[in-house]
Amino acid sequence: MSDRSSPIRQEVLSVLNGEWAEYIHGFRSLSPEAQSAFLGQQGYVRFADLLAHIVAWWQVCHRAVERYTADPTAQPMEYDVDAFNAWAVAECSRLEEEQVVESFEKMRRFMIEFVKGLADTAFENKRIVDQLEMDFVGHLGEHKIVKGN
C-alpha cells in the first residue's frame, strides 16, 4: 500500500498549493499602509527581502532532505539564523521585486514536484518530516498574512 497520503506530504503540498501559492497576491491585496506595517512586523524593508528569505530557507530544506534521503543518519546543518537571513537579503538586494517573485514561484513549483516525488519511505525519517514541517508549515505560520491588519 502506497503512503502517498502521508499526512506531512499532504500538509506540505496543501500549503504549497494553497497559502504559499496565494502569498504574493495576499500581500499585494493589502493596502500600502498594511503592507508597510506587515513588513515592519516581519523585520523587512522590502517584500522582495521577505520573499528572498523564504526562498533561501526552502533551498536549505531541499538540500537537507536530499542529504537525509542519501544518508538517514546525517545530522542537521548548523546555521547562524541572523547571518543567514542577512545573507539572503543581501543576495537579492539588487533585484527588482518581480525578479524575486519569479524566483519564489519557481522554487515553490520545484518544491511541489520534489515533495510529490519523494519515496514513501522518506516520510518514515523523522528528520525529513521535521524539516518539511518546519520549512513549509511552520514558516508559513511565522510569515502569515492576515487580512485586516
C-alpha atoms as a PDB file:
ATOM      1  CA  MET A   1       0.000   0.000   0.000  1.00  0.00           C
ATOM      2  CA  SER A   2       1.401   3.377  -1.017  1.00  0.00           C
ATOM      3  CA  ASP A   3       1.912   6.106   1.546  1.00  0.00           C
ATOM      4  CA  ARG A   4       1.133   8.895  -0.956  1.00  0.00           C
ATOM      5  CA  SER A   5      -1.408  10.135   1.550  1.00  0.00           C
ATOM      6  CA  SER A   6       1.282  10.598   4.215  1.00  0.00           C
ATOM      7  CA  PRO A   7      -0.104  13.331   6.461  1.00  0.00           C
ATOM      8  CA  ILE A   8       3.010  15.514   6.203  1.00  0.00           C
ATOM      9  CA  ARG A   9       3.244  15.069   2.420  1.00  0.00           C
ATOM     10  CA  GLN A  10      -0.391  16.115   2.101  1.00  0.00           C
ATOM     11  CA  GLU A  11       0.009  19.014   4.523  1.00  0.00           C
ATOM     12  CA  VAL A  12       3.109  20.343   2.753  1.00  0.00           C
ATOM     13  CA  LEU A  13       1.502  20.010  -0.680  1.00  0.00           C
ATOM     14  CA  SER A  14      -1.624  21.680   0.645  1.00  0.00           C
ATOM     15  CA  VAL A  15       0.236  24.764   1.897  1.00  0.00           C
ATOM     16  CA  LEU A  16       2.466  24.919  -1.200  1.00  0.00           C
ATOM     17  CA  ASN A  17      -0.573  24.758  -3.475  1.00  0.00           C
ATOM     18  CA  GLY A  18      -2.730  26.889  -1.189  1.00  0.00           C
ATOM     19  CA  GLU A  19      -1.480  29.599   1.130  1.00  0.00           C
ATOM     20  CA  TRP A  20       2.033  29.787  -0.329  1.00  0.00           C
ATOM     21  CA  ALA A  21       0.533  29.931  -3.838  1.00  0.00           C
ATOM     22  CA  GLU A  22      -1.613  32.879  -2.752  1.00  0.00           C
ATOM     23  CA  TYR A  23       1.102  34.565  -0.704  1.00  0.00           C
ATOM     24  CA  ILE A  24       2.094  37.226  -3.209  1.00  0.00           C
ATOM     25  CA  HIS A  25      -1.491  38.068  -4.075  1.00  0.00           C
ATOM     26  CA  GLY A  26      -2.342  38.188  -0.372  1.00  0.00           C
ATOM     27  CA  PHE A  27       0.410  40.683   0.317  1.00  0.00           C
ATOM     28  CA  ARG A  28      -0.375  42.793  -2.726  1.00  0.00           C
ATOM     29  CA  SER A  29      -4.057  42.940  -1.839  1.00  0.00           C
ATOM     30  CA  LEU A  30      -3.201  44.714   1.415  1.00  0.00           C
ATOM     31  CA  SER A  31      -3.333  48.496   1.483  1.00  0.00           C
ATOM     32  CA  PRO A  32       0.052  50.230   1.183  1.00  0.00           C
ATOM     33  CA  GLU A  33      -0.165  51.088   4.881  1.00  0.00           C
ATOM     34  CA  ALA A  34      -0.923  47.467   5.823  1.00  0.00           C
ATOM     35  CA  GLN A  35       1.913  46.253   3.586  1.00  0.00           C
ATOM     36  CA  SER A  36       4.340  48.582   5.318  1.00  0.00           C
ATOM     37  CA  ALA A  37       3.089  47.574   8.771  1.00  0.00           C
ATOM     38  CA  PHE A  38       3.339  43.861   7.907  1.00  0.00           C
ATOM     39  CA  LEU A  39       6.891  44.206   6.591  1.00  0.00           C
ATOM     40  CA  GLY A  40       7.844  46.164   9.698  1.00  0.00           C
ATOM     41  CA  GLN A  41       6.413  43.429  11.933  1.00  0.00           C
ATOM     42  CA  GLN A  42       8.347  40.864   9.923  1.00  0.00           C
ATOM     43  CA  GLY A  43      11.577  42.863  10.140  1.00  0.00           C
ATOM     44  CA  TYR A  44      11.970  43.527   6.414  1.00  0.00           C
ATOM     45  CA  VAL A  45      12.118  46.729   4.405  1.00  0.00           C
ATOM     46  CA  ARG A  46      11.010  45.287   1.058  1.00  0.00           C
ATOM     47  CA  PHE A  47       8.599  42.491   0.188  1.00  0.00           C
ATOM     48  CA  ALA A  48      11.364  41.141  -2.060  1.00  0.00           C
ATOM     49  CA  ASP A  49      13.588  40.787   1.015  1.00  0.00           C
ATOM     50  CA  LEU A  50      10.984  38.687   2.812  1.00  0.00           C
ATOM     51  CA  LEU A  51      10.491  36.502  -0.266  1.00  0.00           C
ATOM     52  CA  ALA A  52      14.258  36.075  -0.650  1.00  0.00           C
ATOM     53  CA  HIS A  53      14.447  34.927   2.977  1.00  0.00           C
ATOM     54  CA  ILE A  54      11.689  32.357   2.361  1.00  0.00           C
ATOM     55  CA  VAL A  55      13.279  31.060  -0.844  1.00  0.00           C
ATOM     56  CA  ALA A  56      16.680  30.732   0.834  1.00  0.00           C
ATOM     57  CA  TRP A  57      15.216  28.567   3.603  1.00  0.00           C
ATOM     58  CA  TRP A  58      13.329  26.452   1.055  1.00  0.00           C
ATOM     59  CA  GLN A  59      16.658  25.833  -0.669  1.00  0.00           C
ATOM     60  CA  VAL A  60      18.132  24.771   2.662  1.00  0.00           C
ATOM     61  CA  CYS A  61      15.183  22.431   3.135  1.00  0.00           C
ATOM     62  CA  HIS A  62      15.686  20.874  -0.294  1.00  0.00           C
ATOM     63  CA  ARG A  63      19.383  20.230   0.340  1.00  0.00           C
ATOM     64  CA  ALA A  64      18.685  18.844   3.823  1.00  0.00           C
ATOM     65  CA  VAL A  65      16.005  16.442   2.605  1.00  0.00           C
ATOM     66  CA  GLU A  66      18.300  15.245  -0.172  1.00  0.00           C
ATOM     67  CA  ARG A  67      21.078  14.723   2.375  1.00  0.00           C
ATOM     68  CA  TYR A  68      18.765  12.829   4.767  1.00  0.00           C
ATOM     69  CA  THR A  69      17.466  10.717   1.883  1.00  0.00           C
ATOM     70  CA  ALA A  70      21.000   9.753   0.859  1.00  0.00           C
ATOM     71  CA  ASP A  71      22.117   9.189   4.457  1.00  0.00           C
ATOM     72  CA  PRO A  72      19.343   8.660   7.038  1.00  0.00           C
ATOM     73  CA  THR A  73      21.908   9.191   9.814  1.00  0.00           C
ATOM     74  CA  ALA A  74      23.021  12.602   8.510  1.00  0.00           C
ATOM     75  CA  GLN A  75      22.919  15.335  11.104  1.00  0.00           C
ATOM     76  CA  PRO A  76      21.246  18.713  10.581  1.00  0.00           C
ATOM     77  CA  MET A  77      23.464  21.553   9.418  1.00  0.00           C
ATOM     78  CA  GLU A  78      24.026  24.352  11.903  1.00  0.00           C
ATOM     79  CA  TYR A  79      23.100  27.874  10.809  1.00  0.00           C
ATOM     80  CA  ASP A  80      23.551  31.277  12.330  1.00  0.00           C
ATOM     81  CA  VAL A  81      19.980  32.248  11.518  1.00  0.00           C
ATOM     82  CA  ASP A  82      20.503  36.006  11.673  1.00  0.00           C
ATOM     83  CA  ALA A  83      23.605  35.845   9.477  1.00  0.00           C
ATOM     84  CA  PHE A  84      21.875  33.525   7.019  1.00  0.00           C
ATOM     85  CA  ASN A  85      18.839  35.805   6.797  1.00  0.00           C
ATOM     86  CA  ALA A  86      21.092  38.830   6.262  1.00  0.00           C
ATOM     87  CA  TRP A  87      22.945  36.931   3.518  1.00  0.00           C
ATOM     88  CA  ALA A  88      19.636  36.005   1.789  1.00  0.00           C
ATOM     89  CA  VAL A  89      18.512  39.637   1.782  1.00  0.00           C
ATOM     90  CA  ALA A  90      21.910  40.870   0.561  1.00  0.00           C
ATOM     91  CA  GLU A  91      21.831  38.327  -2.283  1.00  0.00           C
ATOM     92  CA  CYS A  92      18.636  39.848  -3.663  1.00  0.00           C
ATOM     93  CA  SER A  93      19.273  43.480  -2.781  1.00  0.00           C
ATOM     94  CA  ARG A  94      19.911  44.498  -6.398  1.00  0.00           C
ATOM     95  CA  LEU A  95      16.961  42.573  -7.804  1.00  0.00           C
ATOM     96  CA  GLU A  96      13.616  44.090  -8.622  1.00  0.00           C
ATOM     97  CA  GLU A  97      10.609  42.717  -6.752  1.00  0.00           C
ATOM     98  CA  GLU A  98       9.295  40.922  -9.836  1.00  0.00           C
ATOM     99  CA  GLN A  99      12.575  39.037 -10.220  1.00  0.00           C
ATOM    100  CA  VAL A 100      12.340  37.817  -6.637  1.00  0.00           C
ATOM    101  CA  VAL A 101       8.655  36.959  -7.108  1.00  0.00           C
ATOM    102  CA  GLU A 102       9.649  34.857 -10.117  1.00  0.00           C
ATOM    103  CA  SER A 103      12.321  33.101  -8.045  1.00  0.00           C
ATOM    104  CA  PHE A 104       9.790  32.451  -5.260  1.00  0.00           C
ATOM    105  CA  GLU A 105       7.278  30.950  -7.699  1.00  0.00           C
ATOM    106  CA  LYS A 106       9.914  28.855  -9.446  1.00  0.00           C
ATOM    107  CA  MET A 107      11.124  27.434  -6.130  1.00  0.00           C
ATOM    108  CA  ARG A 108       7.560  26.857  -4.902  1.00  0.00           C
ATOM    109  CA  ARG A 109       6.705  24.845  -8.035  1.00  0.00           C
ATOM    110  CA  PHE A 110      10.005  22.966  -7.799  1.00  0.00           C
ATOM    111  CA  MET A 111       9.310  22.007  -4.183  1.00  0.00           C
ATOM    112  CA  ILE A 112       5.822  20.773  -5.076  1.00  0.00           C
ATOM    113  CA  GLU A 113       7.326  18.345  -7.572  1.00  0.00           C
ATOM    114  CA  PHE A 114      10.149  17.464  -5.195  1.00  0.00           C
ATOM    115  CA  VAL A 115       7.753  16.583  -2.356  1.00  0.00           C
ATOM    116  CA  LYS A 116       5.481  14.651  -4.724  1.00  0.00           C
ATOM    117  CA  GLY A 117       8.487  12.680  -5.946  1.00  0.00           C
ATOM    118  CA  LEU A 118       9.849  11.700  -2.545  1.00  0.00           C
ATOM    119  CA  ALA A 119       9.772   7.986  -1.876  1.00  0.00           C
ATOM    120  CA  ASP A 120       7.146   6.817   0.566  1.00  0.00           C
ATOM    121  CA  THR A 121       9.926   5.713   2.892  1.00  0.00           C
ATOM    122  CA  ALA A 122      11.197   9.291   3.149  1.00  0.00           C
ATOM    123  CA  PHE A 123       8.226  10.047   5.377  1.00  0.00           C
ATOM    124  CA  GLU A 124       9.428   7.426   7.852  1.00  0.00           C
ATOM    125  CA  ASN A 125      12.533   9.547   8.522  1.00  0.00           C
ATOM    126  CA  LYS A 126      11.818  11.955  11.387  1.00  0.00           C
ATOM    127  CA  ARG A 127      14.447  14.432  10.169  1.00  0.00           C
ATOM    128  CA  ILE A 128      12.770  14.689   6.766  1.00  0.00           C
ATOM    129  CA  VAL A 129       9.320  15.054   8.289  1.00  0.00           C
ATOM    130  CA  ASP A 130      10.558  17.676  10.760  1.00  0.00           C
ATOM    131  CA  GLN A 131      12.410  19.604   8.031  1.00  0.00           C
ATOM    132  CA  LEU A 132       9.356  19.721   5.764  1.00  0.00           C
ATOM    133  CA  GLU A 133       7.076  20.675   8.638  1.00  0.00           C
ATOM    134  CA  MET A 134       9.409  23.455   9.780  1.00  0.00           C
ATOM    135  CA  ASP A 135      10.141  24.987   6.381  1.00  0.00           C
ATOM    136  CA  PHE A 136       6.684  24.914   4.843  1.00  0.00           C
ATOM    137  CA  VAL A 137       4.052  24.716   7.552  1.00  0.00           C
ATOM    138  CA  GLY A 138       5.861  26.348  10.454  1.00  0.00           C
ATOM    139  CA  HIS A 139       7.480  29.008   8.288  1.00  0.00           C
ATOM    140  CA  LEU A 140       4.087  29.930   6.874  1.00  0.00           C
ATOM    141  CA  GLY A 141       2.866  30.467  10.416  1.00  0.00           C
ATOM    142  CA  GLU A 142       5.766  32.837  11.075  1.00  0.00           C
ATOM    143  CA  HIS A 143       5.043  34.909   7.968  1.00  0.00           C
ATOM    144  CA  LYS A 144       1.272  34.550   7.665  1.00  0.00           C
ATOM    145  CA  ILE A 145      -0.515  37.424   6.012  1.00  0.00           C
ATOM    146  CA  VAL A 146      -3.720  38.206   7.837  1.00  0.00           C
ATOM    147  CA  LYS A 147      -6.277  40.435   6.159  1.00  0.00           C
ATOM    148  CA  GLY A 148      -7.463  43.354   8.205  1.00  0.00           C
ATOM    149  CA  ASN A 149      -4.103  44.076   9.865  1.00  0.00           C
END
